[in-house]
Amino acid sequence: MKVLVKCFSQVKYAIGSNELTVTLKPGSNSADLETMVREQSAGALDDVTLRTAVNKHYVIEPVLLEDGDEVAFIPPVQGG
């Protein structure tokens, strides 16, 4: 199944893109996807707490993903 990943702020810079299309095994959840994104960041996200939104709704617990879902990883808001 394919899932669209939206990357914001630190995630975008760590991954090098604001969007990714990721192929996952059926039965994968949002936590599995977060682990994959963190691994792809080569440690740049190790100390960053991320909020997760699936299909534009924030989730706290891991959510089973389906083909075509949109998942956003949102780091803490930064100001200046």
PDB file of N, CA and C in Angstrom:
ATOM      1  N   MET A   1       0.839  -1.180   0.000  1.00  0.00           N
ATOM      2  CA  MET A   1       0.000   0.000   0.000  1.00  0.00           C
ATOM      3  C   MET A   1       0.879   1.236   0.000  1.00  0.00           C
ATOM      4  N   LYS A   2       0.359   2.314  -0.552  1.00  0.00           N
ATOM      5  CA  LYS A   2       1.116   3.571  -0.612  1.00  0.00           C
ATOM      6  C   LYS A   2       0.450   4.618   0.263  1.00  0.00           C
ATOM      7  N   VAL A   3       1.313   5.365   0.972  1.00  0.00           N
ATOM      8  CA  VAL A   3       0.869   6.405   1.881  1.00  0.00           C
ATOM      9  C   VAL A   3       1.641   7.677   1.553  1.00  0.00           C
ATOM     10  N   LEU A   4       0.954   8.815   1.584  1.00  0.00           N
ATOM     11  CA  LEU A   4       1.588  10.101   1.368  1.00  0.00           C
ATOM     12  C   LEU A   4       2.019  10.657   2.721  1.00  0.00           C
ATOM     13  N   VAL A   5       3.287  11.020   2.836  1.00  0.00           N
ATOM     14  CA  VAL A   5       3.818  11.586   4.076  1.00  0.00           C
ATOM     15  C   VAL A   5       4.097  13.064   3.851  1.00  0.00           C
ATOM     16  N   LYS A   6       3.509  13.916   4.689  1.00  0.00           N
ATOM     17  CA  LYS A   6       3.751  15.351   4.662  1.00  0.00           C
ATOM     18  C   LYS A   6       4.770  15.661   5.753  1.00  0.00           C
ATOM     19  N   CYS A   7       5.816  16.386   5.392  1.00  0.00           N
ATOM     20  CA  CYS A   7       6.901  16.685   6.325  1.00  0.00           C
ATOM     21  C   CYS A   7       6.977  18.193   6.542  1.00  0.00           C
ATOM     22  N   PHE A   8       7.005  18.605   7.792  1.00  0.00           N
ATOM     23  CA  PHE A   8       7.049  20.015   8.134  1.00  0.00           C
ATOM     24  C   PHE A   8       8.304  20.337   8.943  1.00  0.00           C
ATOM     25  N   SER A   9       8.795  21.553   8.801  1.00  0.00           N
ATOM     26  CA  SER A   9       9.880  22.123   9.598  1.00  0.00           C
ATOM     27  C   SER A   9      11.080  21.177   9.695  1.00  0.00           C
ATOM     28  N   GLN A  10      11.440  20.768  10.902  1.00  0.00           N
ATOM     29  CA  GLN A  10      12.628  19.946  11.100  1.00  0.00           C
ATOM     30  C   GLN A  10      12.565  18.630  10.335  1.00  0.00           C
ATOM     31  N   VAL A  11      11.380  18.079  10.201  1.00  0.00           N
ATOM     32  CA  VAL A  11      11.231  16.822   9.461  1.00  0.00           C
ATOM     33  C   VAL A  11      11.566  17.052   7.992  1.00  0.00           C
ATOM     34  N   LYS A  12      11.063  18.137   7.453  1.00  0.00           N
ATOM     35  CA  LYS A  12      11.331  18.490   6.051  1.00  0.00           C
ATOM     36  C   LYS A  12      12.835  18.628   5.801  1.00  0.00           C
ATOM     37  N   TYR A  13      13.527  19.316   6.695  1.00  0.00           N
ATOM     38  CA  TYR A  13      14.966  19.523   6.515  1.00  0.00           C
ATOM     39  C   TYR A  13      15.755  18.231   6.733  1.00  0.00           C
ATOM     40  N   ALA A  14      15.319  17.400   7.659  1.00  0.00           N
ATOM     41  CA  ALA A  14      16.022  16.140   7.935  1.00  0.00           C
ATOM     42  C   ALA A  14      15.880  15.147   6.779  1.00  0.00           C
ATOM     43  N   ILE A  15      14.701  15.141   6.157  1.00  0.00           N
ATOM     44  CA  ILE A  15      14.420  14.203   5.068  1.00  0.00           C
ATOM     45  C   ILE A  15      14.828  14.773   3.711  1.00  0.00           C
ATOM     46  N   GLY A  16      14.790  16.101   3.613  1.00  0.00           N
ATOM     47  CA  GLY A  16      15.155  16.743   2.354  1.00  0.00           C
ATOM     48  C   GLY A  16      13.996  16.913   1.397  1.00  0.00           C
ATOM     49  N   SER A  17      12.770  16.787   1.920  1.00  0.00           N
ATOM     50  CA  SER A  17      11.591  16.926   1.076  1.00  0.00           C
ATOM     51  C   SER A  17      10.389  17.256   1.945  1.00  0.00           C
ATOM     52  N   ASN A  18       9.407  17.935   1.357  1.00  0.00           N
ATOM     53  CA  ASN A  18       8.196  18.223   2.131  1.00  0.00           C
ATOM     54  C   ASN A  18       7.114  17.159   1.942  1.00  0.00           C
ATOM     55  N   GLU A  19       7.323  16.234   0.998  1.00  0.00           N
ATOM     56  CA  GLU A  19       6.400  15.124   0.786  1.00  0.00           C
ATOM     57  C   GLU A  19       7.162  13.880   0.353  1.00  0.00           C
ATOM     58  N   LEU A  20       6.668  12.750   0.804  1.00  0.00           N
ATOM     59  CA  LEU A  20       7.204  11.449   0.388  1.00  0.00           C
ATOM     60  C   LEU A  20       6.034  10.524   0.104  1.00  0.00           C
ATOM     61  N   THR A  21       6.175   9.679  -0.864  1.00  0.00           N
ATOM     62  CA  THR A  21       5.228   8.588  -1.051  1.00  0.00           C
ATOM     63  C   THR A  21       5.955   7.323  -0.619  1.00  0.00           C
ATOM     64  N   VAL A  22       5.369   6.654   0.360  1.00  0.00           N
ATOM     65  CA  VAL A  22       6.028   5.504   0.980  1.00  0.00           C
ATOM     66  C   VAL A  22       5.182   4.260   0.735  1.00  0.00           C
ATOM     67  N   THR A  23       5.849   3.176   0.389  1.00  0.00           N
ATOM     68  CA  THR A  23       5.169   1.894   0.244  1.00  0.00           C
ATOM     69  C   THR A  23       5.344   1.112   1.543  1.00  0.00           C
ATOM     70  N   LEU A  24       4.231   0.700   2.124  1.00  0.00           N
ATOM     71  CA  LEU A  24       4.233  -0.034   3.389  1.00  0.00           C
ATOM     72  C   LEU A  24       3.583  -1.393   3.217  1.00  0.00           C
ATOM     73  N   LYS A  25       3.915  -2.294   4.129  1.00  0.00           N
ATOM     74  CA  LYS A  25       3.256  -3.592   4.151  1.00  0.00           C
ATOM     75  C   LYS A  25       1.841  -3.415   4.697  1.00  0.00           C
ATOM     76  N   PRO A  26       0.884  -4.176   4.189  1.00  0.00           N
ATOM     77  CA  PRO A  26      -0.459  -4.140   4.777  1.00  0.00           C
ATOM     78  C   PRO A  26      -0.362  -4.442   6.278  1.00  0.00           C
ATOM     79  N   GLY A  27      -1.163  -3.743   7.071  1.00  0.00           N
ATOM     80  CA  GLY A  27      -1.127  -3.928   8.517  1.00  0.00           C
ATOM     81  C   GLY A  27      -0.187  -2.964   9.228  1.00  0.00           C
ATOM     82  N   SER A  28       0.496  -2.105   8.471  1.00  0.00           N
ATOM     83  CA  SER A  28       1.400  -1.114   9.076  1.00  0.00           C
ATOM     84  C   SER A  28       0.575  -0.011   9.735  1.00  0.00           C
ATOM     85  N   ASN A  29       1.171   0.579  10.776  1.00  0.00           N
ATOM     86  CA  ASN A  29       0.470   1.661  11.457  1.00  0.00           C
ATOM     87  C   ASN A  29       1.318   2.934  11.466  1.00  0.00           C
ATOM     88  N   SER A  30       0.759   3.987  12.035  1.00  0.00           N
ATOM     89  CA  SER A  30       1.440   5.280  12.040  1.00  0.00           C
ATOM     90  C   SER A  30       2.754   5.243  12.808  1.00  0.00           C
ATOM     91  N   ALA A  31       2.854   4.429  13.840  1.00  0.00           N
ATOM     92  CA  ALA A  31       4.111   4.306  14.590  1.00  0.00           C
ATOM     93  C   ALA A  31       5.189   3.643  13.732  1.00  0.00           C
ATOM     94  N   ASP A  32       4.805   2.640  12.951  1.00  0.00           N
ATOM     95  CA  ASP A  32       5.760   1.995  12.034  1.00  0.00           C
ATOM     96  C   ASP A  32       6.305   3.013  11.038  1.00  0.00           C
ATOM     97  N   LEU A  33       5.416   3.857  10.523  1.00  0.00           N
ATOM     98  CA  LEU A  33       5.818   4.871   9.558  1.00  0.00           C
ATOM     99  C   LEU A  33       6.733   5.907  10.208  1.00  0.00           C
ATOM    100  N   GLU A  34       6.426   6.311  11.434  1.00  0.00           N
ATOM    101  CA  GLU A  34       7.291   7.272  12.131  1.00  0.00           C
ATOM    102  C   GLU A  34       8.690   6.690  12.324  1.00  0.00           C
ATOM    103  N   THR A  35       8.775   5.424  12.678  1.00  0.00           N
ATOM    104  CA  THR A  35      10.070   4.768  12.830  1.00  0.00           C
ATOM    105  C   THR A  35      10.839   4.806  11.516  1.00  0.00           C
ATOM    106  N   MET A  36      10.152   4.540  10.409  1.00  0.00           N
ATOM    107  CA  MET A  36      10.787   4.556   9.088  1.00  0.00           C
ATOM    108  C   MET A  36      11.320   5.955   8.753  1.00  0.00           C
ATOM    109  N   VAL A  37      10.520   6.981   9.035  1.00  0.00           N
ATOM    110  CA  VAL A  37      10.926   8.359   8.749  1.00  0.00           C
ATOM    111  C   VAL A  37      12.117   8.745   9.623  1.00  0.00           C
ATOM    112  N   ARG A  38      12.074   8.376  10.900  1.00  0.00           N
ATOM    113  CA  ARG A  38      13.196   8.680  11.795  1.00  0.00           C
ATOM    114  C   ARG A  38      14.480   8.001  11.320  1.00  0.00           C
ATOM    115  N   GLU A  39      14.384   6.757  10.871  1.00  0.00           N
ATOM    116  CA  GLU A  39      15.564   6.055  10.359  1.00  0.00           C
ATOM    117  C   GLU A  39      16.117   6.749   9.120  1.00  0.00           C
ATOM    118  N   GLN A  40      15.246   7.251   8.290  1.00  0.00           N
ATOM    119  CA  GLN A  40      15.653   7.933   7.060  1.00  0.00           C
ATOM    120  C   GLN A  40      16.327   9.276   7.349  1.00  0.00           C
ATOM    121  N   SER A  41      16.088   9.830   8.538  1.00  0.00           N
ATOM    122  CA  SER A  41      16.658  11.136   8.890  1.00  0.00           C
ATOM    123  C   SER A  41      18.091  11.053   9.396  1.00  0.00           C
ATOM    124  N   ALA A  42      18.635   9.857   9.500  1.00  0.00           N
ATOM    125  CA  ALA A  42      20.031   9.649   9.926  1.00  0.00           C
ATOM    126  C   ALA A  42      20.344  10.338  11.255  1.00  0.00           C
ATOM    127  N   GLY A  43      19.410  10.243  12.206  1.00  0.00           N
ATOM    128  CA  GLY A  43      19.643  10.784  13.535  1.00  0.00           C
ATOM    129  C   GLY A  43      19.227  12.225  13.741  1.00  0.00           C
ATOM    130  N   ALA A  44      18.867  12.939  12.688  1.00  0.00           N
ATOM    131  CA  ALA A  44      18.516  14.353  12.806  1.00  0.00           C
ATOM    132  C   ALA A  44      17.230  14.574  13.606  1.00  0.00           C
ATOM    133  N   LEU A  45      16.409  13.541  13.746  1.00  0.00           N
ATOM    134  CA  LEU A  45      15.148  13.682  14.476  1.00  0.00           C
ATOM    135  C   LEU A  45      15.161  12.957  15.819  1.00  0.00           C
ATOM    136  N   ASP A  46      16.333  12.489  16.238  1.00  0.00           N
ATOM    137  CA  ASP A  46      16.408  11.695  17.466  1.00  0.00           C
ATOM    138  C   ASP A  46      15.864  12.411  18.697  1.00  0.00           C
ATOM    139  N   ASP A  47      16.087  13.699  18.826  1.00  0.00           N
ATOM    140  CA  ASP A  47      15.640  14.445  20.006  1.00  0.00           C
ATOM    141  C   ASP A  47      14.406  15.295  19.738  1.00  0.00           C
ATOM    142  N   VAL A  48      13.693  15.007  18.669  1.00  0.00           N
ATOM    143  CA  VAL A  48      12.534  15.814  18.285  1.00  0.00           C
ATOM    144  C   VAL A  48      11.253  15.018  18.552  1.00  0.00           C
ATOM    145  N   THR A  49      10.355  15.606  19.328  1.00  0.00           N
ATOM    146  CA  THR A  49       9.045  15.008  19.571  1.00  0.00           C
ATOM    147  C   THR A  49       8.142  15.391  18.412  1.00  0.00           C
ATOM    148  N   LEU A  50       7.473  14.409  17.838  1.00  0.00           N
ATOM    149  CA  LEU A  50       6.610  14.668  16.686  1.00  0.00           C
ATOM    150  C   LEU A  50       5.154  14.397  17.024  1.00  0.00           C
ATOM    151  N   ARG A  51       4.270  15.261  16.535  1.00  0.00           N
ATOM    152  CA  ARG A  51       2.832  15.001  16.567  1.00  0.00           C
ATOM    153  C   ARG A  51       2.504  14.334  15.240  1.00  0.00           C
ATOM    154  N   THR A  52       1.517  13.479  15.261  1.00  0.00           N
ATOM    155  CA  THR A  52       1.125  12.757  14.058  1.00  0.00           C
ATOM    156  C   THR A  52      -0.327  13.064  13.725  1.00  0.00           C
ATOM    157  N   ALA A  53      -0.571  13.338  12.454  1.00  0.00           N
ATOM    158  CA  ALA A  53      -1.935  13.514  11.964  1.00  0.00           C
ATOM    159  C   ALA A  53      -2.148  12.520  10.824  1.00  0.00           C
ATOM    160  N   VAL A  54      -3.260  11.818  10.871  1.00  0.00           N
ATOM    161  CA  VAL A  54      -3.627  10.887   9.808  1.00  0.00           C
ATOM    162  C   VAL A  54      -4.899  11.426   9.166  1.00  0.00           C
ATOM    163  N   ASN A  55      -4.800  11.685   7.875  1.00  0.00           N
ATOM    164  CA  ASN A  55      -5.923  12.258   7.125  1.00  0.00           C
ATOM    165  C   ASN A  55      -6.453  13.526   7.802  1.00  0.00           C
ATOM    166  N   LYS A  56      -5.495  14.377   8.211  1.00  0.00           N
ATOM    167  CA  LYS A  56      -5.754  15.707   8.785  1.00  0.00           C
ATOM    168  C   LYS A  56      -6.404  15.683  10.162  1.00  0.00           C
ATOM    169  N   HIS A  57      -6.294  14.551  10.873  1.00  0.00           N
ATOM    170  CA  HIS A  57      -6.791  14.442  12.247  1.00  0.00           C
ATOM    171  C   HIS A  57      -5.634  13.984  13.139  1.00  0.00           C
ATOM    172  N   TYR A  58      -5.374  14.767  14.196  1.00  0.00           N
ATOM    173  CA  TYR A  58      -4.310  14.377  15.122  1.00  0.00           C
ATOM    174  C   TYR A  58      -4.661  13.052  15.786  1.00  0.00           C
ATOM    175  N   VAL A  59      -3.635  12.214  15.947  1.00  0.00           N
ATOM    176  CA  VAL A  59      -3.803  10.928  16.629  1.00  0.00           C
ATOM    177  C   VAL A  59      -2.779  10.842  17.751  1.00  0.00           C
ATOM    178  N   ILE A  60      -3.144  10.155  18.798  1.00  0.00           N
ATOM    179  CA  ILE A  60      -2.229   9.955  19.929  1.00  0.00           C
ATOM    180  C   ILE A  60      -1.681   8.535  19.893  1.00  0.00           C
ATOM    181  N   GLU A  61      -2.563   7.578  19.723  1.00  0.00           N
ATOM    182  CA  GLU A  61      -2.178   6.173  19.642  1.00  0.00           C
ATOM    183  C   GLU A  61      -1.884   5.808  18.187  1.00  0.00           C
ATOM    184  N   PRO A  62      -1.080   4.771  17.960  1.00  0.00           N
ATOM    185  CA  PRO A  62      -0.845   4.328  16.578  1.00  0.00           C
ATOM    186  C   PRO A  62      -2.162   3.958  15.885  1.00  0.00           C
ATOM    187  N   VAL A  63      -2.266   4.364  14.626  1.00  0.00           N
ATOM    188  CA  VAL A  63      -3.463   4.126  13.820  1.00  0.00           C
ATOM    189  C   VAL A  63      -3.094   3.215  12.659  1.00  0.00           C
ATOM    190  N   LEU A  64      -3.918   2.199  12.422  1.00  0.00           N
ATOM    191  CA  LEU A  64      -3.720   1.319  11.278  1.00  0.00           C
ATOM    192  C   LEU A  64      -3.882   2.146  10.008  1.00  0.00           C
ATOM    193  N   LEU A  65      -2.920   2.047   9.110  1.00  0.00           N
ATOM    194  CA  LEU A  65      -2.948   2.841   7.876  1.00  0.00           C
ATOM    195  C   LEU A  65      -3.546   2.043   6.731  1.00  0.00           C
ATOM    196  N   GLU A  66      -4.145   2.793   5.801  1.00  0.00           N
ATOM    197  CA  GLU A  66      -4.738   2.183   4.612  1.00  0.00           C
ATOM    198  C   GLU A  66      -4.149   2.832   3.368  1.00  0.00           C
ATOM    199  N   ASP A  67      -4.246   2.139   2.259  1.00  0.00           N
ATOM    200  CA  ASP A  67      -3.749   2.660   0.995  1.00  0.00           C
ATOM    201  C   ASP A  67      -4.355   4.027   0.716  1.00  0.00           C
ATOM    202  N   GLY A  68      -3.500   4.997   0.386  1.00  0.00           N
ATOM    203  CA  GLY A  68      -3.961   6.333   0.046  1.00  0.00           C
ATOM    204  C   GLY A  68      -4.057   7.300   1.215  1.00  0.00           C
ATOM    205  N   ASP A  69      -3.776   6.830   2.432  1.00  0.00           N
ATOM    206  CA  ASP A  69      -3.819   7.732   3.588  1.00  0.00           C
ATOM    207  C   ASP A  69      -2.757   8.814   3.466  1.00  0.00           C
ATOM    208  N   GLU A  70      -3.019   9.943   4.131  1.00  0.00           N
ATOM    209  CA  GLU A  70      -2.064  11.034   4.232  1.00  0.00           C
ATOM    210  C   GLU A  70      -1.647  11.147   5.699  1.00  0.00           C
ATOM    211  N   VAL A  71      -0.350  11.082   5.933  1.00  0.00           N
ATOM    212  CA  VAL A  71       0.177  11.164   7.292  1.00  0.00           C
ATOM    213  C   VAL A  71       1.118  12.358   7.369  1.00  0.00           C
ATOM    214  N   ALA A  72       0.905  13.191   8.383  1.00  0.00           N
ATOM    215  CA  ALA A  72       1.764  14.355   8.586  1.00  0.00           C
ATOM    216  C   ALA A  72       2.508  14.192   9.903  1.00  0.00           C
ATOM    217  N   PHE A  73       3.801  14.490   9.876  1.00  0.00           N
ATOM    218  CA  PHE A  73       4.617  14.502  11.080  1.00  0.00           C
ATOM    219  C   PHE A  73       4.968  15.956  11.377  1.00  0.00           C
ATOM    220  N   ILE A  74       4.519  16.417  12.527  1.00  0.00           N
ATOM    221  CA  ILE A  74       4.619  17.833  12.855  1.00  0.00           C
ATOM    222  C   ILE A  74       5.450  18.008  14.126  1.00  0.00           C
ATOM    223  N   PRO A  75       6.595  18.684  14.006  1.00  0.00           N
ATOM    224  CA  PRO A  75       7.419  18.945  15.179  1.00  0.00           C
ATOM    225  C   PRO A  75       6.833  20.098  16.001  1.00  0.00           C
ATOM    226  N   PRO A  76       7.380  20.341  17.196  1.00  0.00           N
ATOM    227  CA  PRO A  76       6.887  21.451  18.001  1.00  0.00           C
ATOM    228  C   PRO A  76       6.986  22.773  17.239  1.00  0.00           C
ATOM    229  N   VAL A  77       6.056  23.666  17.518  1.00  0.00           N
ATOM    230  CA  VAL A  77       6.057  24.983  16.878  1.00  0.00           C
ATOM    231  C   VAL A  77       7.277  25.756  17.343  1.00  0.00           C
ATOM    232  N   GLN A  78       7.943  26.401  16.398  1.00  0.00           N
ATOM    233  CA  GLN A  78       9.117  27.199  16.714  1.00  0.00           C
ATOM    234  C   GLN A  78       8.787  28.642  16.439  1.00  0.00           C
ATOM    235  N   GLY A  79       9.360  29.503  17.216  1.00  0.00           N
ATOM    236  CA  GLY A  79       9.120  30.922  17.017  1.00  0.00           C
ATOM    237  C   GLY A  79      10.421  31.702  17.032  1.00  0.00           C
ATOM    238  N   GLY A  80      10.283  32.943  16.814  1.00  0.00           N
ATOM    239  CA  GLY A  80      11.509  33.725  16.824  1.00  0.00           C
ATOM    240  C   GLY A  80      11.228  35.197  16.794  1.00  0.00           C
TER     241      GLY A  80
END
